[in-house]
Amino acid sequence: MAKYLLLKHYRGAPDPVNNVPMDQWTPQEIAAHVQYMHDFAAELEKTGEFVDGQALAPEGAWVRYDGEGRPPVTDGPFAETKDLIAGWMIIDVDGYDRAVELAGRLSAAPGAGGRPIHEWLEVRPFLAAPPTITE
């Protein structure tokens, strides 16, 4: 089995087909979307492929160590994950093809008007082992 991270993006990926921002959805559309995500995760729990998943709150900040005795620095000139990543799911599947298949199904979550979003999801494998350093 191999673990993959499925990332849901707010922006940074190509626009989804049903490109209506969630803050413009009705409460019923949001509820249907969330229910789809819960049902999808429950199905993967039954097959043993679900590891974890969460939606992310819009709050957050970049933080950096700024030297001994100095407070951490927050923010910066970079896009923040709160602006980019909406949520994630970790799956443990037989391989890349299954990860892509599941990401495709997750992409069909309903959005505005109850129609599938067809959003782009990023599929990232976990490192099986740290990179080796050769001298």
N, C-alpha and C. Protein backbone atom coordinates (compact mmCIF):
# COMPACT_ATOMS: atom_id res chain seq x y z
N MET A 1 0.85 -1.18 0.00
CA MET A 1 0.00 0.00 0.00
C MET A 1 0.90 1.24 0.00
N ALA A 2 0.38 2.30 -0.60
CA ALA A 2 1.12 3.56 -0.68
C ALA A 2 0.20 4.70 -0.25
N LYS A 3 0.75 5.62 0.51
CA LYS A 3 -0.05 6.76 0.98
C LYS A 3 0.09 7.92 0.02
N TYR A 4 -1.06 8.58 -0.20
CA TYR A 4 -1.13 9.76 -1.07
C TYR A 4 -1.90 10.85 -0.35
N LEU A 5 -1.52 12.08 -0.61
CA LEU A 5 -2.22 13.25 -0.12
C LEU A 5 -3.03 13.83 -1.27
N LEU A 6 -4.33 13.98 -1.08
CA LEU A 6 -5.19 14.62 -2.07
C LEU A 6 -5.46 16.03 -1.54
N LEU A 7 -4.99 17.04 -2.26
CA LEU A 7 -5.15 18.43 -1.83
C LEU A 7 -6.24 19.12 -2.62
N LYS A 8 -7.14 19.77 -1.88
CA LYS A 8 -8.18 20.59 -2.49
C LYS A 8 -7.71 22.04 -2.41
N HIS A 9 -7.64 22.70 -3.54
CA HIS A 9 -7.11 24.06 -3.60
C HIS A 9 -8.23 25.10 -3.75
N TYR A 10 -8.03 26.25 -3.10
CA TYR A 10 -8.89 27.40 -3.36
C TYR A 10 -8.50 28.04 -4.68
N ARG A 11 -7.19 28.17 -4.88
CA ARG A 11 -6.67 28.75 -6.11
C ARG A 11 -5.28 28.20 -6.34
N GLY A 12 -4.74 28.47 -7.51
CA GLY A 12 -3.43 27.95 -7.84
C GLY A 12 -3.51 26.81 -8.83
N ALA A 13 -4.66 26.18 -8.90
CA ALA A 13 -4.90 25.13 -9.88
C ALA A 13 -5.77 25.73 -10.99
N PRO A 14 -5.89 25.04 -12.11
CA PRO A 14 -6.82 25.54 -13.13
C PRO A 14 -8.23 25.64 -12.55
N ASP A 15 -9.01 26.56 -13.07
CA ASP A 15 -10.38 26.73 -12.58
C ASP A 15 -11.19 25.46 -12.78
N PRO A 16 -12.03 25.11 -11.79
CA PRO A 16 -12.93 23.98 -11.98
C PRO A 16 -14.01 24.34 -13.00
N VAL A 17 -14.71 23.32 -13.51
CA VAL A 17 -15.77 23.55 -14.48
C VAL A 17 -16.90 24.37 -13.86
N ASN A 18 -17.35 23.97 -12.68
CA ASN A 18 -18.41 24.68 -11.96
C ASN A 18 -17.73 25.66 -11.01
N ASN A 19 -17.25 26.76 -11.55
CA ASN A 19 -16.37 27.69 -10.85
C ASN A 19 -17.15 28.79 -10.13
N VAL A 20 -17.90 28.41 -9.12
CA VAL A 20 -18.61 29.37 -8.28
C VAL A 20 -18.01 29.26 -6.89
N PRO A 21 -17.42 30.34 -6.34
CA PRO A 21 -16.79 30.26 -5.02
C PRO A 21 -17.80 29.80 -3.95
N MET A 22 -17.31 29.02 -3.01
CA MET A 22 -18.18 28.44 -1.98
C MET A 22 -18.93 29.50 -1.19
N ASP A 23 -18.33 30.69 -1.03
CA ASP A 23 -19.04 31.73 -0.27
C ASP A 23 -20.27 32.26 -1.00
N GLN A 24 -20.47 31.80 -2.23
CA GLN A 24 -21.66 32.17 -2.99
C GLN A 24 -22.66 31.02 -3.10
N TRP A 25 -22.38 29.90 -2.45
CA TRP A 25 -23.29 28.76 -2.46
C TRP A 25 -24.37 28.95 -1.42
N THR A 26 -25.48 28.29 -1.63
CA THR A 26 -26.55 28.30 -0.63
C THR A 26 -26.17 27.35 0.50
N PRO A 27 -26.81 27.50 1.66
CA PRO A 27 -26.53 26.55 2.74
C PRO A 27 -26.81 25.10 2.33
N GLN A 28 -27.82 24.87 1.51
CA GLN A 28 -28.13 23.52 1.05
C GLN A 28 -27.02 22.97 0.14
N GLU A 29 -26.45 23.83 -0.70
CA GLU A 29 -25.36 23.41 -1.58
C GLU A 29 -24.11 23.05 -0.76
N ILE A 30 -23.83 23.84 0.26
CA ILE A 30 -22.70 23.55 1.14
C ILE A 30 -22.93 22.23 1.87
N ALA A 31 -24.14 22.05 2.39
CA ALA A 31 -24.46 20.81 3.10
C ALA A 31 -24.31 19.59 2.19
N ALA A 32 -24.75 19.71 0.94
CA ALA A 32 -24.63 18.60 -0.01
C ALA A 32 -23.17 18.29 -0.31
N HIS A 33 -22.35 19.32 -0.43
CA HIS A 33 -20.92 19.14 -0.68
C HIS A 33 -20.26 18.43 0.50
N VAL A 34 -20.52 18.91 1.70
CA VAL A 34 -19.94 18.31 2.90
C VAL A 34 -20.41 16.86 3.05
N GLN A 35 -21.68 16.59 2.78
CA GLN A 35 -22.19 15.23 2.87
C GLN A 35 -21.49 14.31 1.87
N TYR A 36 -21.26 14.81 0.66
CA TYR A 36 -20.54 14.02 -0.35
C TYR A 36 -19.16 13.64 0.18
N MET A 37 -18.46 14.61 0.78
CA MET A 37 -17.13 14.36 1.31
C MET A 37 -17.18 13.32 2.43
N HIS A 38 -18.16 13.43 3.33
CA HIS A 38 -18.31 12.46 4.42
C HIS A 38 -18.61 11.06 3.86
N ASP A 39 -19.52 10.99 2.89
CA ASP A 39 -19.88 9.70 2.29
C ASP A 39 -18.68 9.06 1.58
N PHE A 40 -17.91 9.88 0.88
CA PHE A 40 -16.72 9.40 0.18
C PHE A 40 -15.72 8.82 1.19
N ALA A 41 -15.47 9.56 2.28
CA ALA A 41 -14.54 9.09 3.31
C ALA A 41 -15.06 7.80 3.95
N ALA A 42 -16.37 7.72 4.21
CA ALA A 42 -16.95 6.52 4.82
C ALA A 42 -16.77 5.30 3.91
N GLU A 43 -16.93 5.50 2.61
CA GLU A 43 -16.73 4.41 1.66
C GLU A 43 -15.29 3.92 1.70
N LEU A 44 -14.34 4.86 1.77
CA LEU A 44 -12.93 4.48 1.82
C LEU A 44 -12.55 3.86 3.16
N GLU A 45 -13.24 4.23 4.23
CA GLU A 45 -13.01 3.58 5.52
C GLU A 45 -13.36 2.10 5.43
N LYS A 46 -14.45 1.79 4.74
CA LYS A 46 -14.89 0.40 4.59
C LYS A 46 -13.87 -0.44 3.81
N THR A 47 -13.19 0.17 2.84
CA THR A 47 -12.20 -0.56 2.04
C THR A 47 -10.81 -0.52 2.68
N GLY A 48 -10.67 0.24 3.78
CA GLY A 48 -9.38 0.36 4.45
C GLY A 48 -8.44 1.34 3.77
N GLU A 49 -8.96 2.17 2.86
CA GLU A 49 -8.10 3.10 2.11
C GLU A 49 -8.07 4.51 2.70
N PHE A 50 -8.97 4.82 3.63
CA PHE A 50 -9.02 6.16 4.22
C PHE A 50 -8.08 6.23 5.41
N VAL A 51 -7.26 7.26 5.45
CA VAL A 51 -6.37 7.49 6.58
C VAL A 51 -6.88 8.67 7.39
N ASP A 52 -7.08 9.82 6.74
CA ASP A 52 -7.56 11.01 7.44
C ASP A 52 -7.92 12.07 6.41
N GLY A 53 -8.67 13.04 6.82
CA GLY A 53 -9.02 14.16 5.95
C GLY A 53 -9.63 15.27 6.77
N GLN A 54 -9.42 16.48 6.35
CA GLN A 54 -9.96 17.64 7.06
C GLN A 54 -10.19 18.79 6.10
N ALA A 55 -11.20 19.58 6.39
CA ALA A 55 -11.35 20.88 5.75
C ALA A 55 -10.54 21.86 6.60
N LEU A 56 -10.02 22.88 5.98
CA LEU A 56 -9.21 23.86 6.71
C LEU A 56 -9.96 25.18 6.86
N ALA A 57 -9.81 25.80 8.02
CA ALA A 57 -10.39 27.12 8.28
C ALA A 57 -9.60 28.17 7.49
N PRO A 58 -10.21 29.29 7.18
CA PRO A 58 -9.50 30.31 6.40
C PRO A 58 -8.40 31.04 7.16
N GLU A 59 -8.35 30.93 8.50
CA GLU A 59 -7.32 31.62 9.26
C GLU A 59 -6.00 30.88 9.15
N GLY A 60 -4.90 31.60 9.38
CA GLY A 60 -3.59 30.98 9.36
C GLY A 60 -2.52 32.01 9.04
N ALA A 61 -1.28 31.65 9.24
CA ALA A 61 -0.17 32.56 8.96
C ALA A 61 1.09 31.76 8.68
N TRP A 62 2.01 32.34 7.93
CA TRP A 62 3.35 31.78 7.77
C TRP A 62 4.12 32.13 9.04
N VAL A 63 4.95 31.22 9.52
CA VAL A 63 5.77 31.47 10.70
C VAL A 63 7.18 31.00 10.38
N ARG A 64 8.16 31.78 10.86
CA ARG A 64 9.56 31.46 10.59
C ARG A 64 10.39 31.74 11.84
N TYR A 65 11.33 30.87 12.12
CA TYR A 65 12.33 31.10 13.17
C TYR A 65 13.19 32.26 12.72
N ASP A 66 13.45 33.22 13.62
CA ASP A 66 14.21 34.40 13.23
C ASP A 66 15.46 34.62 14.07
N GLY A 67 15.95 33.56 14.68
CA GLY A 67 17.20 33.67 15.43
C GLY A 67 16.99 33.50 16.92
N GLU A 68 18.05 33.09 17.58
CA GLU A 68 18.02 32.85 19.02
C GLU A 68 17.57 34.10 19.78
N GLY A 69 16.59 33.91 20.67
CA GLY A 69 16.11 35.01 21.50
C GLY A 69 15.16 35.98 20.81
N ARG A 70 14.88 35.75 19.56
CA ARG A 70 13.98 36.64 18.82
C ARG A 70 12.65 35.93 18.62
N PRO A 71 11.56 36.69 18.62
CA PRO A 71 10.26 36.05 18.41
C PRO A 71 10.12 35.56 16.97
N PRO A 72 9.31 34.54 16.77
CA PRO A 72 9.07 34.09 15.39
C PRO A 72 8.48 35.22 14.54
N VAL A 73 8.82 35.20 13.29
CA VAL A 73 8.28 36.17 12.33
C VAL A 73 7.06 35.53 11.69
N THR A 74 6.01 36.32 11.52
CA THR A 74 4.82 35.80 10.84
C THR A 74 4.58 36.57 9.56
N ASP A 75 3.89 35.90 8.64
CA ASP A 75 3.55 36.43 7.33
C ASP A 75 4.78 36.66 6.48
N GLY A 76 4.56 37.24 5.33
CA GLY A 76 5.66 37.44 4.41
C GLY A 76 5.11 37.76 3.03
N PRO A 77 5.98 37.77 2.05
CA PRO A 77 5.55 38.15 0.70
C PRO A 77 4.99 36.97 -0.11
N PHE A 78 4.63 35.87 0.58
CA PHE A 78 4.21 34.67 -0.14
C PHE A 78 2.72 34.45 -0.01
N ALA A 79 2.16 33.75 -0.96
CA ALA A 79 0.77 33.31 -0.83
C ALA A 79 0.71 32.37 0.37
N GLU A 80 -0.34 32.48 1.16
CA GLU A 80 -0.47 31.64 2.34
C GLU A 80 -1.36 30.45 2.05
N THR A 81 -1.11 29.37 2.76
CA THR A 81 -1.92 28.17 2.54
C THR A 81 -3.38 28.45 2.80
N LYS A 82 -3.70 29.40 3.71
CA LYS A 82 -5.11 29.71 3.96
C LYS A 82 -5.76 30.25 2.69
N ASP A 83 -4.98 30.82 1.78
CA ASP A 83 -5.50 31.32 0.52
C ASP A 83 -5.47 30.27 -0.58
N LEU A 84 -4.73 29.20 -0.37
CA LEU A 84 -4.51 28.21 -1.42
C LEU A 84 -5.18 26.87 -1.18
N ILE A 85 -5.08 26.35 0.04
CA ILE A 85 -5.53 24.98 0.30
C ILE A 85 -6.81 24.99 1.12
N ALA A 86 -7.84 24.34 0.57
CA ALA A 86 -9.14 24.28 1.23
C ALA A 86 -9.25 23.08 2.16
N GLY A 87 -8.56 22.01 1.85
CA GLY A 87 -8.63 20.81 2.67
C GLY A 87 -7.79 19.71 2.06
N TRP A 88 -7.79 18.56 2.74
CA TRP A 88 -6.95 17.46 2.28
C TRP A 88 -7.53 16.15 2.74
N MET A 89 -7.09 15.11 2.07
CA MET A 89 -7.44 13.75 2.45
C MET A 89 -6.20 12.89 2.23
N ILE A 90 -5.92 12.03 3.20
CA ILE A 90 -4.83 11.08 3.05
C ILE A 90 -5.45 9.71 2.79
N ILE A 91 -4.98 9.06 1.76
CA ILE A 91 -5.46 7.73 1.42
C ILE A 91 -4.29 6.76 1.40
N ASP A 92 -4.57 5.51 1.62
CA ASP A 92 -3.56 4.46 1.59
C ASP A 92 -4.07 3.41 0.61
N VAL A 93 -3.52 3.41 -0.59
CA VAL A 93 -4.05 2.61 -1.69
C VAL A 93 -2.96 1.74 -2.32
N ASP A 94 -3.37 0.88 -3.24
CA ASP A 94 -2.43 -0.04 -3.89
C ASP A 94 -1.40 0.66 -4.77
N GLY A 95 -1.72 1.85 -5.27
CA GLY A 95 -0.76 2.54 -6.12
C GLY A 95 -1.33 3.81 -6.71
N TYR A 96 -0.52 4.41 -7.56
CA TYR A 96 -0.83 5.70 -8.17
C TYR A 96 -2.15 5.67 -8.96
N ASP A 97 -2.37 4.61 -9.72
CA ASP A 97 -3.59 4.55 -10.53
C ASP A 97 -4.85 4.62 -9.66
N ARG A 98 -4.84 3.93 -8.53
CA ARG A 98 -5.99 3.97 -7.62
C ARG A 98 -6.11 5.36 -7.01
N ALA A 99 -5.01 6.00 -6.66
CA ALA A 99 -5.04 7.36 -6.11
C ALA A 99 -5.67 8.32 -7.11
N VAL A 100 -5.29 8.20 -8.37
CA VAL A 100 -5.85 9.07 -9.42
C VAL A 100 -7.34 8.78 -9.60
N GLU A 101 -7.71 7.51 -9.58
CA GLU A 101 -9.13 7.15 -9.71
C GLU A 101 -9.96 7.79 -8.59
N LEU A 102 -9.47 7.70 -7.35
CA LEU A 102 -10.21 8.28 -6.23
C LEU A 102 -10.24 9.80 -6.28
N ALA A 103 -9.13 10.41 -6.69
CA ALA A 103 -9.11 11.88 -6.83
C ALA A 103 -10.13 12.32 -7.87
N GLY A 104 -10.26 11.56 -8.95
CA GLY A 104 -11.26 11.88 -9.97
C GLY A 104 -12.67 11.83 -9.41
N ARG A 105 -12.95 10.84 -8.58
CA ARG A 105 -14.27 10.76 -7.97
C ARG A 105 -14.50 11.89 -6.97
N LEU A 106 -13.47 12.22 -6.21
CA LEU A 106 -13.59 13.31 -5.24
C LEU A 106 -13.82 14.64 -5.95
N SER A 107 -13.27 14.79 -7.13
CA SER A 107 -13.44 15.99 -7.95
C SER A 107 -14.89 16.23 -8.34
N ALA A 108 -15.70 15.18 -8.28
CA ALA A 108 -17.10 15.28 -8.68
C ALA A 108 -18.02 15.74 -7.55
N ALA A 109 -17.46 16.16 -6.43
CA ALA A 109 -18.30 16.66 -5.33
C ALA A 109 -19.21 17.77 -5.84
N PRO A 110 -20.45 17.82 -5.36
CA PRO A 110 -21.38 18.84 -5.86
C PRO A 110 -21.00 20.24 -5.38
N GLY A 111 -21.34 21.20 -6.20
CA GLY A 111 -21.13 22.61 -5.87
C GLY A 111 -22.38 23.39 -6.14
N ALA A 112 -22.22 24.58 -6.69
CA ALA A 112 -23.36 25.46 -6.98
C ALA A 112 -24.35 24.74 -7.89
N GLY A 113 -25.61 24.87 -7.56
CA GLY A 113 -26.66 24.25 -8.37
C GLY A 113 -26.71 22.74 -8.23
N GLY A 114 -25.94 22.19 -7.29
CA GLY A 114 -25.90 20.75 -7.11
C GLY A 114 -25.12 20.01 -8.18
N ARG A 115 -24.51 20.77 -9.09
CA ARG A 115 -23.72 20.16 -10.18
C ARG A 115 -22.31 19.85 -9.69
N PRO A 116 -21.68 18.79 -10.22
CA PRO A 116 -20.30 18.49 -9.83
C PRO A 116 -19.38 19.68 -10.09
N ILE A 117 -18.43 19.84 -9.19
CA ILE A 117 -17.47 20.95 -9.34
C ILE A 117 -16.48 20.66 -10.47
N HIS A 118 -16.06 19.42 -10.60
CA HIS A 118 -14.98 19.04 -11.52
C HIS A 118 -13.72 19.85 -11.19
N GLU A 119 -13.45 19.96 -9.88
CA GLU A 119 -12.27 20.72 -9.46
C GLU A 119 -11.01 19.89 -9.65
N TRP A 120 -9.90 20.58 -9.81
CA TRP A 120 -8.61 19.92 -9.89
C TRP A 120 -8.15 19.60 -8.48
N LEU A 121 -7.66 18.39 -8.28
CA LEU A 121 -7.09 17.98 -7.00
C LEU A 121 -5.63 17.62 -7.23
N GLU A 122 -4.80 17.99 -6.29
CA GLU A 122 -3.38 17.63 -6.39
C GLU A 122 -3.18 16.28 -5.72
N VAL A 123 -2.54 15.35 -6.40
CA VAL A 123 -2.25 14.01 -5.87
C VAL A 123 -0.76 13.95 -5.60
N ARG A 124 -0.39 13.82 -4.31
CA ARG A 124 1.01 13.81 -3.92
C ARG A 124 1.33 12.55 -3.14
N PRO A 125 2.30 11.75 -3.60
CA PRO A 125 2.68 10.57 -2.83
C PRO A 125 3.51 10.97 -1.61
N PHE A 126 3.37 10.20 -0.54
CA PHE A 126 4.24 10.38 0.61
C PHE A 126 5.58 9.73 0.26
N LEU A 127 6.66 10.26 0.79
CA LEU A 127 7.97 9.61 0.61
C LEU A 127 7.95 8.28 1.35
N ALA A 128 8.35 7.24 0.70
CA ALA A 128 8.42 5.93 1.35
C ALA A 128 9.60 5.86 2.31
N ALA A 129 10.65 6.60 1.99
CA ALA A 129 11.86 6.66 2.83
C ALA A 129 12.55 7.98 2.55
N PRO A 130 13.35 8.46 3.50
CA PRO A 130 14.08 9.70 3.25
C PRO A 130 15.05 9.51 2.08
N PRO A 131 15.31 10.58 1.35
CA PRO A 131 16.27 10.47 0.24
C PRO A 131 17.64 10.05 0.77
N THR A 132 18.32 9.25 0.01
CA THR A 132 19.66 8.84 0.42
C THR A 132 20.68 9.84 -0.10
N ILE A 133 21.69 10.06 0.70
CA ILE A 133 22.75 10.99 0.33
C ILE A 133 23.99 10.17 0.01
N THR A 134 24.52 10.36 -1.17
CA THR A 134 25.75 9.65 -1.56
C THR A 134 26.89 10.65 -1.58
N GLU A 135 28.00 10.18 -1.11
CA GLU A 135 29.18 11.08 -1.06
C GLU A 135 30.18 10.70 -2.10
